[in-house]
Amino acid sequence: MGAYLDLSDAERAALKLIEDQCRRELEKMKQADLQIRERVKLWDACYARKCTERIELAHKKSGFTDWMPRAPGSAFKPK
């Protein structure tokens, strides 16, 4: 079934060179992917921190210190 191609030495060398270039490019892409994943983790942490800081600042400006439920199913009122 598997027919082997009869390649000349120059063709084999050219294919080997292309294969090596592709392998190096794949390694570069893997490294770039890892760096992007790290940046995404840092961005997510920064975004979560800023959201928390915004909420805390809004509570500080409004004078709310904590939330206490009035009754089950009812609205919440500030402490």
N, C-alpha and C. Protein backbone atom coordinates (compact mmCIF):
# COMPACT_ATOMS: atom_id res chain seq x y z
N MET A 1 0.82 -1.19 0.00
CA MET A 1 0.00 0.00 0.00
C MET A 1 0.86 1.26 0.00
N GLY A 2 1.76 1.36 0.99
CA GLY A 2 2.56 2.57 1.10
C GLY A 2 3.64 2.60 0.05
N ALA A 3 3.51 3.49 -0.89
CA ALA A 3 4.51 3.62 -1.94
C ALA A 3 5.56 4.63 -1.49
N TYR A 4 6.80 4.20 -1.50
CA TYR A 4 7.88 5.09 -1.10
C TYR A 4 8.36 5.88 -2.31
N LEU A 5 8.63 7.14 -2.07
CA LEU A 5 9.15 7.97 -3.15
C LEU A 5 10.66 7.80 -3.22
N ASP A 6 11.15 7.76 -4.41
CA ASP A 6 12.59 7.68 -4.60
C ASP A 6 13.12 9.10 -4.72
N LEU A 7 13.71 9.58 -3.64
CA LEU A 7 14.19 10.97 -3.61
C LEU A 7 15.69 11.01 -3.80
N SER A 8 16.12 12.05 -4.44
CA SER A 8 17.56 12.25 -4.56
C SER A 8 18.09 12.80 -3.24
N ASP A 9 19.39 12.79 -3.09
CA ASP A 9 19.99 13.30 -1.85
C ASP A 9 19.68 14.78 -1.65
N ALA A 10 19.65 15.55 -2.73
CA ALA A 10 19.35 16.98 -2.62
C ALA A 10 17.90 17.19 -2.15
N GLU A 11 16.99 16.37 -2.67
CA GLU A 11 15.59 16.48 -2.25
C GLU A 11 15.42 16.08 -0.78
N ARG A 12 16.13 15.04 -0.37
CA ARG A 12 16.08 14.63 1.03
C ARG A 12 16.62 15.73 1.94
N ALA A 13 17.70 16.34 1.53
CA ALA A 13 18.30 17.42 2.32
C ALA A 13 17.34 18.61 2.40
N ALA A 14 16.68 18.93 1.28
CA ALA A 14 15.74 20.04 1.27
C ALA A 14 14.55 19.75 2.19
N LEU A 15 14.02 18.54 2.14
CA LEU A 15 12.91 18.17 3.01
C LEU A 15 13.32 18.18 4.48
N LYS A 16 14.54 17.72 4.76
CA LYS A 16 15.04 17.72 6.14
C LYS A 16 15.17 19.16 6.64
N LEU A 17 15.65 20.04 5.78
CA LEU A 17 15.78 21.45 6.14
C LEU A 17 14.41 22.07 6.43
N ILE A 18 13.44 21.77 5.58
CA ILE A 18 12.08 22.29 5.79
C ILE A 18 11.50 21.74 7.09
N GLU A 19 11.73 20.46 7.35
CA GLU A 19 11.23 19.84 8.59
C GLU A 19 11.85 20.51 9.82
N ASP A 20 13.15 20.77 9.76
CA ASP A 20 13.82 21.44 10.88
C ASP A 20 13.28 22.85 11.09
N GLN A 21 13.06 23.58 10.00
CA GLN A 21 12.50 24.93 10.11
C GLN A 21 11.10 24.89 10.72
N CYS A 22 10.30 23.93 10.31
CA CYS A 22 8.94 23.80 10.86
C CYS A 22 9.00 23.45 12.34
N ARG A 23 9.92 22.60 12.72
CA ARG A 23 10.06 22.23 14.13
C ARG A 23 10.46 23.45 14.98
N ARG A 24 11.40 24.25 14.47
CA ARG A 24 11.80 25.47 15.19
C ARG A 24 10.64 26.45 15.30
N GLU A 25 9.89 26.59 14.22
CA GLU A 25 8.73 27.49 14.24
C GLU A 25 7.68 27.01 15.24
N LEU A 26 7.48 25.70 15.32
CA LEU A 26 6.54 25.13 16.29
C LEU A 26 6.98 25.44 17.72
N GLU A 27 8.27 25.32 17.98
CA GLU A 27 8.78 25.64 19.33
C GLU A 27 8.57 27.12 19.66
N LYS A 28 8.80 27.99 18.68
CA LYS A 28 8.56 29.42 18.90
C LYS A 28 7.09 29.67 19.21
N MET A 29 6.20 29.00 18.48
CA MET A 29 4.77 29.18 18.70
C MET A 29 4.36 28.67 20.08
N LYS A 30 4.96 27.56 20.52
CA LYS A 30 4.66 27.03 21.86
C LYS A 30 5.10 28.02 22.93
N GLN A 31 6.29 28.60 22.76
CA GLN A 31 6.79 29.58 23.73
C GLN A 31 5.89 30.81 23.75
N ALA A 32 5.48 31.28 22.58
CA ALA A 32 4.59 32.44 22.50
C ALA A 32 3.26 32.13 23.18
N ASP A 33 2.76 30.92 22.99
CA ASP A 33 1.50 30.53 23.62
C ASP A 33 1.62 30.54 25.14
N LEU A 34 2.73 30.04 25.66
CA LEU A 34 2.94 30.05 27.11
C LEU A 34 3.01 31.48 27.64
N GLN A 35 3.69 32.36 26.91
CA GLN A 35 3.79 33.76 27.34
C GLN A 35 2.41 34.42 27.32
N ILE A 36 1.63 34.14 26.30
CA ILE A 36 0.28 34.72 26.21
C ILE A 36 -0.58 34.22 27.36
N ARG A 37 -0.47 32.93 27.69
CA ARG A 37 -1.25 32.38 28.81
C ARG A 37 -0.88 33.07 30.12
N GLU A 38 0.41 33.33 30.33
CA GLU A 38 0.84 34.03 31.55
C GLU A 38 0.28 35.45 31.57
N ARG A 39 0.32 36.13 30.43
CA ARG A 39 -0.22 37.49 30.37
C ARG A 39 -1.72 37.50 30.65
N VAL A 40 -2.43 36.50 30.14
CA VAL A 40 -3.88 36.42 30.38
C VAL A 40 -4.15 36.21 31.87
N LYS A 41 -3.36 35.35 32.52
CA LYS A 41 -3.53 35.13 33.96
C LYS A 41 -3.31 36.43 34.72
N LEU A 42 -2.26 37.16 34.37
CA LEU A 42 -1.98 38.43 35.04
C LEU A 42 -3.09 39.43 34.79
N TRP A 43 -3.59 39.49 33.55
CA TRP A 43 -4.66 40.43 33.22
C TRP A 43 -5.92 40.08 34.00
N ASP A 44 -6.26 38.79 34.07
CA ASP A 44 -7.45 38.37 34.82
C ASP A 44 -7.34 38.76 36.29
N ALA A 45 -6.16 38.55 36.88
CA ALA A 45 -5.97 38.90 38.29
C ALA A 45 -6.09 40.41 38.48
N CYS A 46 -5.50 41.17 37.57
CA CYS A 46 -5.57 42.64 37.66
C CYS A 46 -7.01 43.11 37.50
N TYR A 47 -7.74 42.52 36.56
CA TYR A 47 -9.13 42.90 36.32
C TYR A 47 -9.99 42.61 37.55
N ALA A 48 -9.80 41.44 38.15
CA ALA A 48 -10.57 41.08 39.34
C ALA A 48 -10.25 42.02 40.49
N ARG A 49 -8.96 42.35 40.64
CA ARG A 49 -8.55 43.27 41.71
C ARG A 49 -9.17 44.65 41.51
N LYS A 50 -9.15 45.14 40.27
CA LYS A 50 -9.71 46.47 40.01
C LYS A 50 -11.22 46.48 40.22
N CYS A 51 -11.91 45.39 39.85
CA CYS A 51 -13.36 45.31 40.11
C CYS A 51 -13.63 45.38 41.60
N THR A 52 -12.85 44.64 42.38
CA THR A 52 -13.02 44.64 43.83
C THR A 52 -12.75 46.03 44.39
N GLU A 53 -11.69 46.67 43.91
CA GLU A 53 -11.35 48.01 44.38
C GLU A 53 -12.46 49.00 44.04
N ARG A 54 -13.04 48.88 42.84
CA ARG A 54 -14.14 49.77 42.45
C ARG A 54 -15.34 49.60 43.36
N ILE A 55 -15.68 48.35 43.67
CA ILE A 55 -16.82 48.09 44.55
C ILE A 55 -16.54 48.64 45.94
N GLU A 56 -15.32 48.40 46.45
CA GLU A 56 -14.96 48.92 47.77
C GLU A 56 -15.02 50.44 47.80
N LEU A 57 -14.55 51.08 46.74
CA LEU A 57 -14.59 52.54 46.67
C LEU A 57 -16.03 53.04 46.64
N ALA A 58 -16.88 52.36 45.88
CA ALA A 58 -18.30 52.76 45.82
C ALA A 58 -18.94 52.62 47.19
N HIS A 59 -18.63 51.56 47.90
CA HIS A 59 -19.18 51.38 49.25
C HIS A 59 -18.65 52.45 50.19
N LYS A 60 -17.36 52.77 50.04
CA LYS A 60 -16.77 53.79 50.92
C LYS A 60 -17.42 55.15 50.67
N LYS A 61 -17.62 55.50 49.39
CA LYS A 61 -18.22 56.79 49.05
C LYS A 61 -19.67 56.87 49.51
N SER A 62 -20.40 55.75 49.43
CA SER A 62 -21.82 55.76 49.79
C SER A 62 -22.04 55.60 51.28
N GLY A 63 -21.01 55.20 52.02
CA GLY A 63 -21.15 55.03 53.46
C GLY A 63 -21.61 53.65 53.87
N PHE A 64 -21.80 52.74 52.93
CA PHE A 64 -22.20 51.38 53.28
C PHE A 64 -20.96 50.61 53.73
N THR A 65 -21.06 49.95 54.87
CA THR A 65 -19.93 49.17 55.35
C THR A 65 -20.15 47.69 55.13
N ASP A 66 -21.40 47.25 55.21
CA ASP A 66 -21.70 45.84 55.03
C ASP A 66 -23.18 45.71 54.67
N TRP A 67 -23.58 44.56 54.27
CA TRP A 67 -24.97 44.33 53.91
C TRP A 67 -25.59 43.37 54.91
N MET A 68 -26.82 43.69 55.34
CA MET A 68 -27.52 42.84 56.29
C MET A 68 -28.92 42.56 55.74
N PRO A 69 -29.31 41.30 55.63
CA PRO A 69 -30.64 41.02 55.10
C PRO A 69 -31.73 41.44 56.08
N ARG A 70 -32.80 42.01 55.56
CA ARG A 70 -33.93 42.43 56.42
C ARG A 70 -34.81 41.24 56.73
N ALA A 71 -35.17 40.51 55.73
CA ALA A 71 -36.01 39.33 55.90
C ALA A 71 -35.82 38.44 54.68
N PRO A 72 -36.10 37.17 54.80
CA PRO A 72 -35.93 36.29 53.63
C PRO A 72 -36.76 36.76 52.45
N GLY A 73 -36.11 36.90 51.30
CA GLY A 73 -36.80 37.29 50.09
C GLY A 73 -37.02 38.77 49.94
N SER A 74 -36.65 39.57 50.93
CA SER A 74 -36.87 41.01 50.82
C SER A 74 -35.60 41.70 50.33
N ALA A 75 -35.69 42.99 50.17
CA ALA A 75 -34.54 43.77 49.73
C ALA A 75 -33.51 43.84 50.85
N PHE A 76 -32.32 44.28 50.51
CA PHE A 76 -31.26 44.41 51.51
C PHE A 76 -31.13 45.87 51.90
N LYS A 77 -30.76 46.10 53.12
CA LYS A 77 -30.54 47.48 53.57
C LYS A 77 -29.14 47.59 54.15
N PRO A 78 -28.56 48.78 54.12
CA PRO A 78 -27.22 48.94 54.69
C PRO A 78 -27.25 48.85 56.21
N LYS A 79 -26.16 48.45 56.76
CA LYS A 79 -26.02 48.34 58.21
C LYS A 79 -25.99 49.71 58.83
